[in-house]
Amino acid sequence: MPPIHSTPYFQMDNPAILSLLRPTPGEKHRKSTSSSGGLLRMFKLFPMLTSGCKMVALLGRPRKPMLKDSATTGTIFGYRKGRVCLAIQDDPHSVPVFVIELPMLTSLLQKEMASDIVRIALESETKTHKKKVLEEFVWAVFCNGRKMGYSIRRKQLSDDELHVMQLLRGVSMGAGVLPSPNDKETVTADGELTYMRARFERVVGSKDSEAFYMINPDGAASGPELSIFFVRSN
């Protein structure tokens, strides 16, 4: 299998990740669907949003998910000047099966999204295989092939993380700005609390590797714009 990367920054040397990677769509096909938009493009607009753009005020009203299917729910959220968090749920109403604060700022992730293809890889260096992949605690985090640092999976949700999960319990997909947990109208020193929530196709490569591919909300046939990989070193 030839290496798959659009730029030098997309190189994925781990064989487990390479086995899960899907071919990047051709340039011609990408141009034909580039006008369709998507959550990833909306997330890149956060620096232009204001507190009046709280999409969750509209999206959060339903008490049941807007889309009923077996897809996994993934949420990326964080304060604009703070670190970004990742939460994975079986559905928007369930307790997250995985929550972690990534070692990268929300603003940095937005810059990475300028490429329209974002691949986040989390690698566990554990030597035991008694746990499931997502049950590991210590992770090395890579974004588009570059190592960002290390993170530890949350055993319990923080107050801010619980606040986000509660506000988005009725949201299947969307992106926007959330009220802060302390004062719904006050912007903290770290900026506004932003989020992007989407459905993901979950692919199990082996007991030591899983991948999550974002499902485009417009049903476009283009490849996933955001992919998240979990790999355990052998």
Protein backbone atom coordinates (compact mmCIF):
# COMPACT_ATOMS: atom_id res chain seq x y z
CA MET A 1 0.00 0.00 0.00
CA PRO A 2 1.58 3.32 -1.03
CA PRO A 3 1.88 6.10 1.55
CA ILE A 4 -1.16 8.33 1.74
CA HIS A 5 -0.50 12.00 2.43
CA SER A 6 -1.51 15.24 0.79
CA THR A 7 1.35 17.25 2.25
CA PRO A 8 4.46 16.39 4.30
CA TYR A 9 2.45 17.20 7.40
CA PHE A 10 -0.02 14.39 6.72
CA GLN A 11 2.53 11.60 6.88
CA MET A 12 1.37 8.76 9.09
CA ASP A 13 4.22 6.32 9.73
CA ASN A 14 2.41 4.02 12.15
CA PRO A 15 1.37 0.84 10.25
CA ALA A 16 -1.82 0.56 12.32
CA ILE A 17 -2.90 4.04 11.26
CA LEU A 18 -1.94 3.41 7.64
CA SER A 19 -4.15 0.33 7.60
CA LEU A 20 -7.13 2.44 8.69
CA LEU A 21 -6.53 5.41 6.41
CA ARG A 22 -8.89 5.96 3.55
CA PRO A 23 -7.62 7.39 0.24
CA THR A 24 -7.86 11.16 0.03
CA PRO A 25 -10.37 12.23 -2.67
CA GLY A 26 -8.94 13.44 -5.96
CA GLU A 27 -8.52 17.15 -6.53
CA LYS A 28 -11.22 17.25 -9.17
CA HIS A 29 -13.71 15.56 -6.90
CA ARG A 30 -12.82 17.84 -4.01
CA LYS A 31 -13.48 20.93 -6.13
CA SER A 32 -16.88 19.64 -7.12
CA THR A 33 -17.95 19.38 -3.47
CA SER A 34 -16.05 22.29 -1.96
CA SER A 35 -19.07 24.56 -2.11
CA SER A 36 -21.15 22.19 0.02
CA GLY A 37 -19.64 23.56 3.22
CA GLY A 38 -19.65 21.37 6.34
CA LEU A 39 -19.04 21.46 10.06
CA LEU A 40 -15.29 21.66 9.66
CA ARG A 41 -15.58 24.88 7.64
CA MET A 42 -18.05 26.26 10.17
CA PHE A 43 -15.61 25.51 13.00
CA LYS A 44 -12.95 27.57 11.21
CA LEU A 45 -15.23 30.61 11.40
CA PHE A 46 -15.19 30.74 15.20
CA PRO A 47 -12.86 33.79 15.37
CA MET A 48 -15.53 35.67 13.37
CA LEU A 49 -18.45 34.59 15.56
CA THR A 50 -19.91 36.62 18.42
CA SER A 51 -21.80 35.60 21.51
CA GLY A 52 -25.00 36.31 19.59
CA CYS A 53 -24.27 33.34 17.34
CA LYS A 54 -25.19 30.68 19.88
CA MET A 55 -26.47 28.00 17.54
CA VAL A 56 -27.11 25.75 20.50
CA ALA A 57 -29.98 28.02 21.47
CA LEU A 58 -31.76 26.60 18.44
CA LEU A 59 -30.16 23.19 18.19
CA GLY A 60 -30.42 22.36 21.87
CA ARG A 61 -34.20 22.48 22.17
CA PRO A 62 -35.05 18.94 21.00
CA ARG A 63 -34.94 16.37 23.80
CA LYS A 64 -34.11 13.59 21.37
CA PRO A 65 -31.31 13.41 18.78
CA MET A 66 -32.26 14.94 15.44
CA LEU A 67 -30.80 11.97 13.59
CA LYS A 68 -31.47 8.45 14.81
CA ASP A 69 -28.82 5.99 13.71
CA SER A 70 -25.99 3.94 15.10
CA ALA A 71 -23.28 6.50 14.36
CA THR A 72 -20.97 7.59 17.15
CA THR A 73 -21.17 11.18 18.38
CA GLY A 74 -17.95 13.18 18.63
CA THR A 75 -17.61 16.65 20.14
CA ILE A 76 -14.64 19.00 19.92
CA PHE A 77 -14.93 21.97 22.25
CA GLY A 78 -12.91 24.50 24.18
CA TYR A 79 -12.36 28.16 24.96
CA ARG A 80 -10.86 30.11 22.07
CA LYS A 81 -7.69 30.91 24.01
CA GLY A 82 -7.58 27.60 25.87
CA ARG A 83 -6.96 23.95 25.08
CA VAL A 84 -9.37 21.92 23.02
CA CYS A 85 -11.18 18.86 24.38
CA LEU A 86 -12.47 15.75 22.65
CA ALA A 87 -15.47 13.72 23.84
CA ILE A 88 -16.83 10.56 22.26
CA GLN A 89 -20.31 9.23 23.00
CA ASP A 90 -22.35 6.31 21.73
CA ASP A 91 -25.18 8.83 21.31
CA PRO A 92 -25.77 12.46 22.37
CA HIS A 93 -27.70 11.36 25.50
CA SER A 94 -25.17 8.87 26.85
CA VAL A 95 -22.24 9.44 29.19
CA PRO A 96 -19.05 9.92 27.12
CA VAL A 97 -16.99 6.74 26.71
CA PHE A 98 -13.87 8.85 26.16
CA VAL A 99 -12.98 12.42 27.19
CA ILE A 100 -9.56 14.00 26.91
CA GLU A 101 -8.05 17.49 26.88
CA LEU A 102 -5.69 17.60 23.91
CA PRO A 103 -2.27 19.30 24.26
CA MET A 104 -3.13 21.95 21.70
CA LEU A 105 -4.93 25.27 21.69
CA THR A 106 -8.30 25.71 20.02
CA SER A 107 -6.78 28.44 17.85
CA LEU A 108 -4.08 26.03 16.62
CA LEU A 109 -6.64 23.41 15.65
CA GLN A 110 -8.55 26.04 13.69
CA LYS A 111 -5.37 26.85 11.75
CA GLU A 112 -4.88 23.15 10.98
CA MET A 113 -8.39 23.07 9.59
CA ALA A 114 -7.36 25.52 6.89
CA SER A 115 -6.11 22.46 4.98
CA ASP A 116 -9.67 21.01 4.96
CA ILE A 117 -8.24 17.64 6.05
CA VAL A 118 -7.50 17.08 9.72
CA ARG A 119 -6.15 13.81 11.08
CA ILE A 120 -5.80 13.51 14.83
CA ALA A 121 -3.95 10.43 16.08
CA LEU A 122 -3.73 9.29 19.69
CA GLU A 123 -1.14 6.63 20.43
CA SER A 124 -0.88 4.67 23.66
CA GLU A 125 2.50 3.17 24.52
CA THR A 126 1.09 0.65 26.99
CA LYS A 127 2.49 -2.88 27.00
CA THR A 128 -0.66 -4.62 28.24
CA HIS A 129 -3.67 -5.51 26.12
CA LYS A 130 -6.13 -6.33 28.88
CA LYS A 131 -7.99 -3.06 28.33
CA LYS A 132 -9.90 -1.91 25.31
CA VAL A 133 -8.11 0.73 23.26
CA LEU A 134 -10.31 3.61 24.44
CA GLU A 135 -9.80 2.57 28.07
CA GLU A 136 -6.10 3.49 28.04
CA PHE A 137 -5.14 6.61 30.02
CA VAL A 138 -1.90 8.09 28.70
CA TRP A 139 -1.79 9.16 25.06
CA ALA A 140 0.71 10.76 22.73
CA VAL A 141 -1.25 13.16 20.51
CA PHE A 142 -0.46 13.93 16.86
CA CYS A 143 -2.21 16.38 14.55
CA ASN A 144 -1.61 16.04 10.82
CA GLY A 145 1.52 14.02 11.52
CA ARG A 146 3.07 16.43 14.03
CA LYS A 147 3.45 15.47 17.68
CA MET A 148 1.60 17.88 19.97
CA GLY A 149 2.48 16.31 23.33
CA TYR A 150 0.88 13.96 25.84
CA SER A 151 -2.55 13.87 27.47
CA ILE A 152 -4.33 11.77 30.09
CA ARG A 153 -7.88 10.55 29.56
CA ARG A 154 -10.40 11.94 32.02
CA LYS A 155 -11.64 9.57 34.70
CA GLN A 156 -14.36 12.05 35.58
CA LEU A 157 -15.81 15.01 33.72
CA SER A 158 -14.73 18.46 34.83
CA ASP A 159 -17.38 21.09 35.54
CA ASP A 160 -16.86 22.71 32.14
CA GLU A 161 -17.01 19.37 30.33
CA LEU A 162 -20.19 18.38 32.17
CA HIS A 163 -21.65 21.78 31.30
CA VAL A 164 -20.98 21.21 27.59
CA MET A 165 -22.41 17.67 27.60
CA GLN A 166 -25.59 18.85 29.31
CA LEU A 167 -26.12 21.73 26.90
CA LEU A 168 -25.59 19.53 23.86
CA ARG A 169 -27.59 16.51 25.00
CA GLY A 170 -30.25 17.20 22.35
CA VAL A 171 -27.82 18.07 19.54
CA SER A 172 -26.79 15.50 16.94
CA MET A 173 -24.61 17.85 14.90
CA GLY A 174 -23.74 21.51 14.81
CA ALA A 175 -21.12 24.13 15.57
CA GLY A 176 -21.23 27.43 17.39
CA VAL A 177 -20.76 29.19 20.71
CA LEU A 178 -22.04 28.04 24.09
CA PRO A 179 -22.91 30.09 27.18
CA SER A 180 -20.13 29.96 29.76
CA PRO A 181 -20.90 27.83 32.84
CA ASN A 182 -20.53 30.72 35.30
CA ASP A 183 -22.35 33.55 33.56
CA LYS A 184 -24.38 32.93 30.42
CA GLU A 185 -23.68 36.40 29.09
CA THR A 186 -20.09 36.92 30.19
CA VAL A 187 -17.06 36.02 28.09
CA THR A 188 -14.23 34.61 30.18
CA ALA A 189 -10.57 35.59 29.94
CA ASP A 190 -10.04 32.53 27.72
CA GLY A 191 -12.65 33.76 25.24
CA GLU A 192 -15.95 32.20 24.29
CA LEU A 193 -16.69 28.51 24.67
CA THR A 194 -16.91 27.04 21.18
CA TYR A 195 -17.95 23.60 20.02
CA MET A 196 -18.30 21.36 17.00
CA ARG A 197 -20.42 18.20 17.24
CA ALA A 198 -20.77 15.63 14.47
CA ARG A 199 -21.58 12.01 13.78
CA PHE A 200 -18.68 9.65 13.16
CA GLU A 201 -18.40 6.29 11.49
CA ARG A 202 -16.49 3.99 13.83
CA VAL A 203 -14.09 1.51 12.22
CA VAL A 204 -12.34 -1.15 14.32
CA GLY A 205 -9.07 -2.18 12.70
CA SER A 206 -7.99 -4.58 15.45
CA LYS A 207 -8.01 -4.86 19.24
CA ASP A 208 -5.25 -2.23 19.20
CA SER A 209 -6.62 0.27 16.68
CA GLU A 210 -9.82 2.15 15.97
CA ALA A 211 -10.70 5.05 13.70
CA PHE A 212 -13.53 7.58 13.65
CA TYR A 213 -14.46 9.25 10.34
CA MET A 214 -16.67 12.32 10.38
CA ILE A 215 -19.89 11.97 8.41
CA ASN A 216 -20.62 15.07 6.35
CA PRO A 217 -24.04 16.49 7.32
CA ASP A 218 -24.93 17.36 3.72
CA GLY A 219 -24.51 13.78 2.57
CA ALA A 220 -21.71 14.69 0.17
CA ALA A 221 -19.82 11.79 -1.38
CA SER A 222 -16.44 13.34 -0.58
CA GLY A 223 -14.07 11.69 1.88
CA PRO A 224 -14.13 12.56 5.58
CA GLU A 225 -12.72 15.96 6.47
CA LEU A 226 -11.90 14.97 10.03
CA SER A 227 -10.49 11.61 11.10
CA ILE A 228 -9.50 10.52 14.62
CA PHE A 229 -7.30 7.48 15.18
CA PHE A 230 -6.65 5.51 18.38
CA VAL A 231 -3.65 3.19 18.26
CA ARG A 232 -1.97 1.07 20.90
CA SER A 233 1.71 0.29 20.35
CA ASN A 234 2.63 -3.36 20.15
